[in-house]
Amino acid sequence: GRRLCTVGGRHGYPRETYQPEWFAQVAELEFEGISFPAP
């Protein structure tokens, strides 16, 4: 398989399937005034 996925969440298939390029680099996003990594 090439796609990625997270299994067990509330959204299920196909909403929790991802293209690997989405995670190829990291973006820093603000969450509650603190920077955290995001795809």
PDB file of all heavy atoms in Angstrom:
ATOM      1  N   GLY A   1       0.815  -1.205   0.000  1.00  0.00           N
ATOM      2  CA  GLY A   1       0.000   0.000   0.000  1.00  0.00           C
ATOM      3  C   GLY A   1       0.850   1.256   0.000  1.00  0.00           C
ATOM      4  O   GLY A   1       1.905   1.297   0.630  1.00  0.00           O
ATOM      5  N   ARG A   2       0.387   2.280  -0.691  1.00  0.00           N
ATOM      6  CA  ARG A   2       1.102   3.558  -0.723  1.00  0.00           C
ATOM      7  C   ARG A   2       0.459   4.585   0.189  1.00  0.00           C
ATOM      8  O   ARG A   2       1.149   5.344   0.865  1.00  0.00           O
ATOM      9  CB  ARG A   2       1.157   4.099  -2.158  1.00  0.00           C
ATOM     10  CG  ARG A   2       1.917   5.428  -2.281  1.00  0.00           C
ATOM     11  CD  ARG A   2       1.972   5.922  -3.721  1.00  0.00           C
ATOM     12  NE  ARG A   2       2.670   7.200  -3.796  1.00  0.00           N
ATOM     13  CZ  ARG A   2       2.089   8.377  -3.630  1.00  0.00           C
ATOM     14  NH1 ARG A   2       0.777   8.432  -3.382  1.00  0.00           N
ATOM     15  NH2 ARG A   2       2.797   9.500  -3.718  1.00  0.00           N
ATOM     16  N   ARG A   3      -0.861   4.603   0.232  1.00  0.00           N
ATOM     17  CA  ARG A   3      -1.548   5.565   1.089  1.00  0.00           C
ATOM     18  C   ARG A   3      -1.248   5.306   2.561  1.00  0.00           C
ATOM     19  O   ARG A   3      -0.899   4.195   2.958  1.00  0.00           O
ATOM     20  CB  ARG A   3      -3.060   5.478   0.869  1.00  0.00           C
ATOM     21  CG  ARG A   3      -3.550   6.024  -0.442  1.00  0.00           C
ATOM     22  CD  ARG A   3      -5.059   5.891  -0.547  1.00  0.00           C
ATOM     23  NE  ARG A   3      -5.495   4.496  -0.524  1.00  0.00           N
ATOM     24  CZ  ARG A   3      -6.775   4.113  -0.523  1.00  0.00           C
ATOM     25  NH1 ARG A   3      -7.730   5.017  -0.532  1.00  0.00           N
ATOM     26  NH2 ARG A   3      -7.096   2.830  -0.526  1.00  0.00           N
ATOM     27  N   LEU A   4      -1.437   6.345   3.376  1.00  0.00           N
ATOM     28  CA  LEU A   4      -1.349   6.218   4.823  1.00  0.00           C
ATOM     29  C   LEU A   4      -2.744   6.300   5.410  1.00  0.00           C
ATOM     30  O   LEU A   4      -3.689   6.756   4.761  1.00  0.00           O
ATOM     31  CB  LEU A   4      -0.472   7.334   5.400  1.00  0.00           C
ATOM     32  CG  LEU A   4       0.975   7.379   4.914  1.00  0.00           C
ATOM     33  CD1 LEU A   4       1.671   8.627   5.455  1.00  0.00           C
ATOM     34  CD2 LEU A   4       1.730   6.130   5.322  1.00  0.00           C
ATOM     35  N   CYS A   5      -2.876   5.859   6.659  1.00  0.00           N
ATOM     36  CA  CYS A   5      -4.176   5.934   7.307  1.00  0.00           C
ATOM     37  C   CYS A   5      -4.010   5.925   8.821  1.00  0.00           C
ATOM     38  O   CYS A   5      -2.981   5.490   9.347  1.00  0.00           O
ATOM     39  CB  CYS A   5      -5.084   4.776   6.874  1.00  0.00           C
ATOM     40  SG  CYS A   5      -4.489   3.138   7.349  1.00  0.00           S
ATOM     41  N   THR A   6      -5.013   6.430   9.510  1.00  0.00           N
ATOM     42  CA  THR A   6      -5.161   6.248  10.952  1.00  0.00           C
ATOM     43  C   THR A   6      -6.460   5.493  11.156  1.00  0.00           C
ATOM     44  O   THR A   6      -7.508   5.898  10.646  1.00  0.00           O
ATOM     45  CB  THR A   6      -5.183   7.593  11.703  1.00  0.00           C
ATOM     46  OG1 THR A   6      -6.143   8.477  11.093  1.00  0.00           O
ATOM     47  CG2 THR A   6      -3.822   8.251  11.679  1.00  0.00           C
ATOM     48  N   VAL A   7      -6.390   4.408  11.904  1.00  0.00           N
ATOM     49  CA  VAL A   7      -7.548   3.531  12.082  1.00  0.00           C
ATOM     50  C   VAL A   7      -8.016   3.613  13.532  1.00  0.00           C
ATOM     51  O   VAL A   7      -7.206   3.621  14.454  1.00  0.00           O
ATOM     52  CB  VAL A   7      -7.201   2.079  11.715  1.00  0.00           C
ATOM     53  CG1 VAL A   7      -8.421   1.177  11.837  1.00  0.00           C
ATOM     54  CG2 VAL A   7      -6.644   2.015  10.304  1.00  0.00           C
ATOM     55  N   GLY A   8      -9.331   3.656  13.724  1.00  0.00           N
ATOM     56  CA  GLY A   8      -9.884   3.680  15.065  1.00  0.00           C
ATOM     57  C   GLY A   8     -10.467   5.021  15.465  1.00  0.00           C
ATOM     58  O   GLY A   8     -11.064   5.137  16.537  1.00  0.00           O
ATOM     59  N   GLY A   9     -10.299   6.051  14.629  1.00  0.00           N
ATOM     60  CA  GLY A   9     -10.888   7.353  14.919  1.00  0.00           C
ATOM     61  C   GLY A   9     -12.369   7.383  14.597  1.00  0.00           C
ATOM     62  O   GLY A   9     -12.948   6.415  14.102  1.00  0.00           O
ATOM     63  N   ARG A  10     -12.980   8.524  14.809  1.00  0.00           N
ATOM     64  CA  ARG A  10     -14.433   8.630  14.634  1.00  0.00           C
ATOM     65  C   ARG A  10     -14.845   8.814  13.179  1.00  0.00           C
ATOM     66  O   ARG A  10     -16.032   8.686  12.854  1.00  0.00           O
ATOM     67  CB  ARG A  10     -14.996   9.775  15.473  1.00  0.00           C
ATOM     68  CG  ARG A  10     -14.510  11.153  15.121  1.00  0.00           C
ATOM     69  CD  ARG A  10     -15.349  12.252  15.767  1.00  0.00           C
ATOM     70  NE  ARG A  10     -15.426  12.120  17.211  1.00  0.00           N
ATOM     71  CZ  ARG A  10     -16.153  12.926  17.988  1.00  0.00           C
ATOM     72  NH1 ARG A  10     -16.853  13.924  17.447  1.00  0.00           N
ATOM     73  NH2 ARG A  10     -16.187  12.761  19.291  1.00  0.00           N
ATOM     74  N   HIS A  11     -13.890   9.100  12.271  1.00  0.00           N
ATOM     75  CA  HIS A  11     -14.262   9.412  10.891  1.00  0.00           C
ATOM     76  C   HIS A  11     -14.214   8.208   9.962  1.00  0.00           C
ATOM     77  O   HIS A  11     -14.993   8.124   9.021  1.00  0.00           O
ATOM     78  CB  HIS A  11     -13.371  10.524  10.355  1.00  0.00           C
ATOM     79  CG  HIS A  11     -13.394  11.756  11.205  1.00  0.00           C
ATOM     80  ND1 HIS A  11     -14.511  12.551  11.325  1.00  0.00           N
ATOM     81  CD2 HIS A  11     -12.446  12.310  12.009  1.00  0.00           C
ATOM     82  CE1 HIS A  11     -14.252  13.547  12.153  1.00  0.00           C
ATOM     83  NE2 HIS A  11     -13.012  13.418  12.580  1.00  0.00           N
ATOM     84  N   GLY A  12     -13.299   7.282  10.173  1.00  0.00           N
ATOM     85  CA  GLY A  12     -13.272   6.050   9.401  1.00  0.00           C
ATOM     86  C   GLY A  12     -12.821   6.227   7.960  1.00  0.00           C
ATOM     87  O   GLY A  12     -12.283   7.260   7.551  1.00  0.00           O
ATOM     88  N   TYR A  13     -13.082   5.179   7.168  1.00  0.00           N
ATOM     89  CA  TYR A  13     -12.685   5.165   5.762  1.00  0.00           C
ATOM     90  C   TYR A  13     -13.733   5.883   4.918  1.00  0.00           C
ATOM     91  O   TYR A  13     -14.935   5.707   5.167  1.00  0.00           O
ATOM     92  CB  TYR A  13     -12.546   3.718   5.272  1.00  0.00           C
ATOM     93  CG  TYR A  13     -12.092   3.614   3.835  1.00  0.00           C
ATOM     94  CD1 TYR A  13     -10.743   3.653   3.526  1.00  0.00           C
ATOM     95  CD2 TYR A  13     -13.015   3.526   2.800  1.00  0.00           C
ATOM     96  CE1 TYR A  13     -10.320   3.589   2.208  1.00  0.00           C
ATOM     97  CE2 TYR A  13     -12.600   3.462   1.488  1.00  0.00           C
ATOM     98  CZ  TYR A  13     -11.249   3.493   1.199  1.00  0.00           C
ATOM     99  OH  TYR A  13     -10.835   3.443  -0.104  1.00  0.00           O
ATOM    100  N   PRO A  14     -13.365   6.683   3.928  1.00  0.00           N
ATOM    101  CA  PRO A  14     -12.011   7.023   3.449  1.00  0.00           C
ATOM    102  C   PRO A  14     -11.455   8.317   4.033  1.00  0.00           C
ATOM    103  O   PRO A  14     -10.401   8.771   3.611  1.00  0.00           O
ATOM    104  CB  PRO A  14     -12.241   7.171   1.954  1.00  0.00           C
ATOM    105  CG  PRO A  14     -13.611   7.788   1.864  1.00  0.00           C
ATOM    106  CD  PRO A  14     -14.412   7.180   2.993  1.00  0.00           C
ATOM    107  N   ARG A  15     -12.161   8.897   5.011  1.00  0.00           N
ATOM    108  CA  ARG A  15     -11.786  10.222   5.498  1.00  0.00           C
ATOM    109  C   ARG A  15     -10.493  10.218   6.305  1.00  0.00           C
ATOM    110  O   ARG A  15      -9.847  11.254   6.457  1.00  0.00           O
ATOM    111  CB  ARG A  15     -12.930  10.817   6.319  1.00  0.00           C
ATOM    112  CG  ARG A  15     -14.159  11.132   5.466  1.00  0.00           C
ATOM    113  CD  ARG A  15     -15.398  11.340   6.314  1.00  0.00           C
ATOM    114  NE  ARG A  15     -15.288  12.532   7.144  1.00  0.00           N
ATOM    115  CZ  ARG A  15     -16.167  12.861   8.079  1.00  0.00           C
ATOM    116  NH1 ARG A  15     -17.219  12.065   8.298  1.00  0.00           N
ATOM    117  NH2 ARG A  15     -16.010  13.956   8.803  1.00  0.00           N
ATOM    118  N   GLU A  16     -10.110   9.044   6.809  1.00  0.00           N
ATOM    119  CA  GLU A  16      -8.852   8.952   7.545  1.00  0.00           C
ATOM    120  C   GLU A  16      -7.777   8.240   6.732  1.00  0.00           C
ATOM    121  O   GLU A  16      -6.926   7.543   7.280  1.00  0.00           O
ATOM    122  CB  GLU A  16      -9.070   8.264   8.892  1.00  0.00           C
ATOM    123  CG  GLU A  16      -9.861   9.133   9.862  1.00  0.00           C
ATOM    124  CD  GLU A  16      -9.901   8.579  11.264  1.00  0.00           C
ATOM    125  OE1 GLU A  16      -8.849   8.555  11.927  1.00  0.00           O
ATOM    126  OE2 GLU A  16     -10.990   8.173  11.717  1.00  0.00           O
ATOM    127  N   THR A  17      -7.804   8.429   5.431  1.00  0.00           N
ATOM    128  CA  THR A  17      -6.717   7.983   4.561  1.00  0.00           C
ATOM    129  C   THR A  17      -6.020   9.218   4.008  1.00  0.00           C
ATOM    130  O   THR A  17      -6.655  10.257   3.771  1.00  0.00           O
ATOM    131  CB  THR A  17      -7.230   7.105   3.407  1.00  0.00           C
ATOM    132  OG1 THR A  17      -8.156   7.864   2.611  1.00  0.00           O
ATOM    133  CG2 THR A  17      -7.929   5.864   3.945  1.00  0.00           C
ATOM    134  N   TYR A  18      -4.706   9.099   3.780  1.00  0.00           N
ATOM    135  CA  TYR A  18      -3.899  10.266   3.463  1.00  0.00           C
ATOM    136  C   TYR A  18      -2.872   9.933   2.384  1.00  0.00           C
ATOM    137  O   TYR A  18      -2.395   8.793   2.294  1.00  0.00           O
ATOM    138  CB  TYR A  18      -3.155  10.762   4.713  1.00  0.00           C
ATOM    139  CG  TYR A  18      -3.967  10.691   5.974  1.00  0.00           C
ATOM    140  CD1 TYR A  18      -3.687   9.727   6.950  1.00  0.00           C
ATOM    141  CD2 TYR A  18      -5.020  11.566   6.200  1.00  0.00           C
ATOM    142  CE1 TYR A  18      -4.441   9.645   8.109  1.00  0.00           C
ATOM    143  CE2 TYR A  18      -5.781  11.490   7.357  1.00  0.00           C
ATOM    144  CZ  TYR A  18      -5.486  10.522   8.314  1.00  0.00           C
ATOM    145  OH  TYR A  18      -6.235  10.438   9.454  1.00  0.00           O
ATOM    146  N   GLN A  19      -2.508  10.935   1.613  1.00  0.00           N
ATOM    147  CA  GLN A  19      -1.406  10.793   0.679  1.00  0.00           C
ATOM    148  C   GLN A  19      -0.090  11.022   1.421  1.00  0.00           C
ATOM    149  O   GLN A  19       0.000  11.950   2.243  1.00  0.00           O
ATOM    150  CB  GLN A  19      -1.546  11.787  -0.470  1.00  0.00           C
ATOM    151  CG  GLN A  19      -2.786  11.579  -1.327  1.00  0.00           C
ATOM    152  CD  GLN A  19      -2.835  10.184  -1.941  1.00  0.00           C
ATOM    153  OE1 GLN A  19      -1.813   9.641  -2.372  1.00  0.00           O
ATOM    154  NE2 GLN A  19      -4.017   9.599  -1.973  1.00  0.00           N
ATOM    155  N   PRO A  20       0.917  10.195   1.176  1.00  0.00           N
ATOM    156  CA  PRO A  20       2.170  10.335   1.935  1.00  0.00           C
ATOM    157  C   PRO A  20       2.831  11.692   1.772  1.00  0.00           C
ATOM    158  O   PRO A  20       3.506  12.167   2.695  1.00  0.00           O
ATOM    159  CB  PRO A  20       3.049   9.200   1.396  1.00  0.00           C
ATOM    160  CG  PRO A  20       2.412   8.757   0.130  1.00  0.00           C
ATOM    161  CD  PRO A  20       0.957   9.046   0.250  1.00  0.00           C
ATOM    162  N   GLU A  21       2.623  12.357   0.628  1.00  0.00           N
ATOM    163  CA  GLU A  21       3.260  13.665   0.436  1.00  0.00           C
ATOM    164  C   GLU A  21       2.710  14.727   1.399  1.00  0.00           C
ATOM    165  O   GLU A  21       3.362  15.738   1.650  1.00  0.00           O
ATOM    166  CB  GLU A  21       3.117  14.144  -1.008  1.00  0.00           C
ATOM    167  CG  GLU A  21       1.708  14.180  -1.545  1.00  0.00           C
ATOM    168  CD  GLU A  21       1.325  12.912  -2.307  1.00  0.00           C
ATOM    169  OE1 GLU A  21       1.879  11.835  -1.992  1.00  0.00           O
ATOM    170  OE2 GLU A  21       0.467  13.026  -3.202  1.00  0.00           O
ATOM    171  N   TRP A  22       1.505  14.498   1.947  1.00  0.00           N
ATOM    172  CA  TRP A  22       0.979  15.443   2.926  1.00  0.00           C
ATOM    173  C   TRP A  22       1.856  15.499   4.167  1.00  0.00           C
ATOM    174  O   TRP A  22       1.879  16.508   4.885  1.00  0.00           O
ATOM    175  CB  TRP A  22      -0.452  15.078   3.313  1.00  0.00           C
ATOM    176  CG  TRP A  22      -1.425  15.082   2.182  1.00  0.00           C
ATOM    177  CD1 TRP A  22      -1.221  15.546   0.915  1.00  0.00           C
ATOM    178  CD2 TRP A  22      -2.771  14.581   2.196  1.00  0.00           C
ATOM    179  NE1 TRP A  22      -2.347  15.369   0.146  1.00  0.00           N
ATOM    180  CE2 TRP A  22      -3.318  14.780   0.898  1.00  0.00           C
ATOM    181  CE3 TRP A  22      -3.565  13.986   3.168  1.00  0.00           C
ATOM    182  CZ2 TRP A  22      -4.613  14.404   0.562  1.00  0.00           C
ATOM    183  CZ3 TRP A  22      -4.866  13.608   2.851  1.00  0.00           C
ATOM    184  CH2 TRP A  22      -5.376  13.814   1.553  1.00  0.00           C
ATOM    185  N   PHE A  23       2.557  14.401   4.451  1.00  0.00           N
ATOM    186  CA  PHE A  23       3.395  14.315   5.645  1.00  0.00           C
ATOM    187  C   PHE A  23       4.883  14.409   5.318  1.00  0.00           C
ATOM    188  O   PHE A  23       5.713  14.222   6.201  1.00  0.00           O
ATOM    189  CB  PHE A  23       3.134  12.992   6.373  1.00  0.00           C
ATOM    190  CG  PHE A  23       1.766  12.908   6.999  1.00  0.00           C
ATOM    191  CD1 PHE A  23       0.675  12.464   6.278  1.00  0.00           C
ATOM    192  CD2 PHE A  23       1.579  13.280   8.326  1.00  0.00           C
ATOM    193  CE1 PHE A  23      -0.586  12.390   6.856  1.00  0.00           C
ATOM    194  CE2 PHE A  23       0.326  13.213   8.909  1.00  0.00           C
ATOM    195  CZ  PHE A  23      -0.770  12.764   8.174  1.00  0.00           C
ATOM    196  N   ALA A  24       5.217  14.699   4.066  1.00  0.00           N
ATOM    197  CA  ALA A  24       6.623  14.717   3.660  1.00  0.00           C
ATOM    198  C   ALA A  24       7.385  15.858   4.321  1.00  0.00           C
ATOM    199  O   ALA A  24       8.590  15.753   4.550  1.00  0.00           O
ATOM    200  CB  ALA A  24       6.727  14.817   2.142  1.00  0.00           C
ATOM    201  N   GLN A  25       6.690  16.951   4.630  1.00  0.00           N
ATOM    202  CA  GLN A  25       7.308  18.076   5.310  1.00  0.00           C
ATOM    203  C   GLN A  25       6.431  18.489   6.484  1.00  0.00           C
ATOM    204  O   GLN A  25       5.265  18.087   6.577  1.00  0.00           O
ATOM    205  CB  GLN A  25       7.507  19.250   4.350  1.00  0.00           C
ATOM    206  CG  GLN A  25       8.481  18.946   3.210  1.00  0.00           C
ATOM    207  CD  GLN A  25       8.696  20.146   2.307  1.00  0.00           C
ATOM    208  OE1 GLN A  25       8.275  21.254   2.609  1.00  0.00           O
ATOM    209  NE2 GLN A  25       9.376  19.922   1.187  1.00  0.00           N
ATOM    210  N   VAL A  26       7.008  19.278   7.364  1.00  0.00           N
ATOM    211  CA  VAL A  26       6.322  19.684   8.596  1.00  0.00           C
ATOM    212  C   VAL A  26       5.993  21.169   8.533  1.00  0.00           C
ATOM    213  O   VAL A  26       6.824  21.986   8.097  1.00  0.00           O
ATOM    214  CB  VAL A  26       7.185  19.388   9.834  1.00  0.00           C
ATOM    215  CG1 VAL A  26       6.502  19.893  11.109  1.00  0.00           C
ATOM    216  CG2 VAL A  26       7.456  17.892   9.945  1.00  0.00           C
ATOM    217  N   ALA A  27       4.787  21.512   8.965  1.00  0.00           N
ATOM    218  CA  ALA A  27       4.404  22.906   9.157  1.00  0.00           C
ATOM    219  C   ALA A  27       4.208  23.138  10.651  1.00  0.00           C
ATOM    220  O   ALA A  27       3.730  22.252  11.361  1.00  0.00           O
ATOM    221  CB  ALA A  27       3.103  23.214   8.405  1.00  0.00           C
ATOM    222  N   GLU A  28       4.578  24.308  11.122  1.00  0.00           N
ATOM    223  CA  GLU A  28       4.361  24.657  12.530  1.00  0.00           C
ATOM    224  C   GLU A  28       3.099  25.511  12.620  1.00  0.00           C
ATOM    225  O   GLU A  28       2.993  26.544  11.957  1.00  0.00           O
ATOM    226  CB  GLU A  28       5.567  25.423  13.084  1.00  0.00           C
ATOM    227  CG  GLU A  28       6.830  24.584  13.188  1.00  0.00           C
ATOM    228  CD  GLU A  28       6.754  23.528  14.286  1.00  0.00           C
ATOM    229  OE1 GLU A  28       6.046  23.775  15.298  1.00  0.00           O
ATOM    230  OE2 GLU A  28       7.401  22.472  14.137  1.00  0.00           O
ATOM    231  N   LEU A  29       2.128  25.040  13.422  1.00  0.00           N
ATOM    232  CA  LEU A  29       0.871  25.763  13.579  1.00  0.00           C
ATOM    233  C   LEU A  29       0.665  26.151  15.039  1.00  0.00           C
ATOM    234  O   LEU A  29       1.065  25.421  15.951  1.00  0.00           O
ATOM    235  CB  LEU A  29      -0.303  24.892  13.118  1.00  0.00           C
ATOM    236  CG  LEU A  29      -0.345  24.488  11.644  1.00  0.00           C
ATOM    237  CD1 LEU A  29      -1.596  23.656  11.364  1.00  0.00           C
ATOM    238  CD2 LEU A  29      -0.303  25.702  10.733  1.00  0.00           C
ATOM    239  N   GLU A  30       0.020  27.286  15.231  1.00  0.00           N
ATOM    240  CA  GLU A  30      -0.257  27.761  16.582  1.00  0.00           C
ATOM    241  C   GLU A  30      -1.472  27.028  17.155  1.00  0.00           C
ATOM    242  O   GLU A  30      -2.514  26.919  16.505  1.00  0.00           O
ATOM    243  CB  GLU A  30      -0.526  29.262  16.565  1.00  0.00           C
ATOM    244  CG  GLU A  30      -0.849  29.845  17.941  1.00  0.00           C
ATOM    245  CD  GLU A  30      -1.183  31.320  17.904  1.00  0.00           C
ATOM    246  OE1 GLU A  30      -0.757  31.996  16.935  1.00  0.00           O
ATOM    247  OE2 GLU A  30      -1.878  31.791  18.822  1.00  0.00           O
ATOM    248  N   PHE A  31      -1.310  26.533  18.373  1.00  0.00           N
ATOM    249  CA  PHE A  31      -2.413  25.903  19.097  1.00  0.00           C
ATOM    250  C   PHE A  31      -2.345  26.387  20.541  1.00  0.00           C
ATOM    251  O   PHE A  31      -1.382  26.100  21.243  1.00  0.00           O
ATOM    252  CB  PHE A  31      -2.299  24.376  19.030  1.00  0.00           C
ATOM    253  CG  PHE A  31      -3.458  23.642  19.651  1.00  0.00           C
ATOM    254  CD1 PHE A  31      -4.615  23.403  18.927  1.00  0.00           C
ATOM    255  CD2 PHE A  31      -3.395  23.191  20.966  1.00  0.00           C
ATOM    256  CE1 PHE A  31      -5.686  22.731  19.504  1.00  0.00           C
ATOM    257  CE2 PHE A  31      -4.455  22.527  21.547  1.00  0.00           C
ATOM    258  CZ  PHE A  31      -5.606  22.286  20.818  1.00  0.00           C
ATOM    259  N   GLU A  32      -3.328  27.183  20.944  1.00  0.00           N
ATOM    260  CA  GLU A  32      -3.363  27.761  22.289  1.00  0.00           C
ATOM    261  C   GLU A  32      -2.090  28.563  22.592  1.00  0.00           C
ATOM    262  O   GLU A  32      -1.525  28.497  23.683  1.00  0.00           O
ATOM    263  CB  GLU A  32      -3.574  26.675  23.336  1.00  0.00           C
ATOM    264  CG  GLU A  32      -4.899  25.932  23.210  1.00  0.00           C
ATOM    265  CD  GLU A  32      -6.108  26.815  23.521  1.00  0.00           C
ATOM    266  OE1 GLU A  32      -5.967  27.724  24.367  1.00  0.00           O
ATOM    267  OE2 GLU A  32      -7.185  26.597  22.920  1.00  0.00           O
ATOM    268  N   GLY A  33      -1.636  29.314  21.578  1.00  0.00           N
ATOM    269  CA  GLY A  33      -0.494  30.190  21.764  1.00  0.00           C
ATOM    270  C   GLY A  33       0.852  29.505  21.721  1.00  0.00           C
ATOM    271  O   GLY A  33       1.879  30.139  21.979  1.00  0.00           O
ATOM    272  N   ILE A  34       0.888  28.210  21.372  1.00  0.00           N
ATOM    273  CA  ILE A  34       2.127  27.433  21.335  1.00  0.00           C
ATOM    274  C   ILE A  34       2.248  26.802  19.953  1.00  0.00           C
ATOM    275  O   ILE A  34       1.247  26.388  19.359  1.00  0.00           O
ATOM    276  CB  ILE A  34       2.126  26.342  22.425  1.00  0.00           C
ATOM    277  CG1 ILE A  34       1.874  26.969  23.802  1.00  0.00           C
ATOM    278  CG2 ILE A  34       3.444  25.576  22.428  1.00  0.00           C
ATOM    279  CD1 ILE A  34       1.587  25.953  24.890  1.00  0.00           C
ATOM    280  N   SER A  35       3.455  26.709  19.445  1.00  0.00           N
ATOM    281  CA  SER A  35       3.687  26.131  18.125  1.00  0.00           C
ATOM    282  C   SER A  35       3.864  24.625  18.231  1.00  0.00           C
ATOM    283  O   SER A  35       4.644  24.129  19.051  1.00  0.00           O
ATOM    284  CB  SER A  35       4.935  26.756  17.504  1.00  0.00           C
ATOM    285  OG  SER A  35       5.193  26.203  16.236  1.00  0.00           O
ATOM    286  N   PHE A  36       3.112  23.894  17.382  1.00  0.00           N
ATOM    287  CA  PHE A  36       3.193  22.432  17.337  1.00  0.00           C
ATOM    288  C   PHE A  36       3.329  21.979  15.886  1.00  0.00           C
ATOM    289  O   PHE A  36       2.870  22.662  14.964  1.00  0.00           O
ATOM    290  CB  PHE A  36       1.944  21.794  17.950  1.00  0.00           C
ATOM    291  CG  PHE A  36       1.827  21.964  19.431  1.00  0.00           C
ATOM    292  CD1 PHE A  36       1.005  22.952  19.959  1.00  0.00           C
ATOM    293  CD2 PHE A  36       2.528  21.139  20.297  1.00  0.00           C
ATOM    294  CE1 PHE A  36       0.886  23.113  21.336  1.00  0.00           C
ATOM    295  CE2 PHE A  36       2.415  21.289  21.670  1.00  0.00           C
ATOM    296  CZ  PHE A  36       1.595  22.282  22.189  1.00  0.00           C
ATOM    297  N   PRO A  37       3.932  20.810  15.660  1.00  0.00           N
ATOM    298  CA  PRO A  37       4.093  20.308  14.294  1.00  0.00           C
ATOM    299  C   PRO A  37       2.783  19.789  13.713  1.00  0.00           C
ATOM    300  O   PRO A  37       1.965  19.172  14.412  1.00  0.00           O
ATOM    301  CB  PRO A  37       5.128  19.183  14.446  1.00  0.00           C
ATOM    302  CG  PRO A  37       4.979  18.725  15.857  1.00  0.00           C
ATOM    303  CD  PRO A  37       4.605  19.936  16.646  1.00  0.00           C
ATOM    304  N   ALA A  38       2.608  20.033  12.431  1.00  0.00           N
ATOM    305  CA  ALA A  38       1.454  19.545  11.673  1.00  0.00           C
ATOM    306  C   ALA A  38       1.957  19.112  10.305  1.00  0.00           C
ATOM    307  O   ALA A  38       3.011  19.550   9.851  1.00  0.00           O
ATOM    308  CB  ALA A  38       0.398  20.639  11.529  1.00  0.00           C
ATOM    309  N   PRO A  39       1.226  18.240   9.628  1.00  0.00           N
ATOM    310  CA  PRO A  39       1.632  17.893   8.260  1.00  0.00           C
ATOM    311  C   PRO A  39       1.561  19.122   7.362  1.00  0.00           C
ATOM    312  O   PRO A  39       0.605  19.901   7.431  1.00  0.00           O
ATOM    313  CB  PRO A  39       0.619  16.825   7.848  1.00  0.00           C
ATOM    314  CG  PRO A  39      -0.542  16.998   8.763  1.00  0.00           C
ATOM    315  CD  PRO A  39       0.009  17.507  10.045  1.00  0.00           C
TER     316      PRO A  39
END
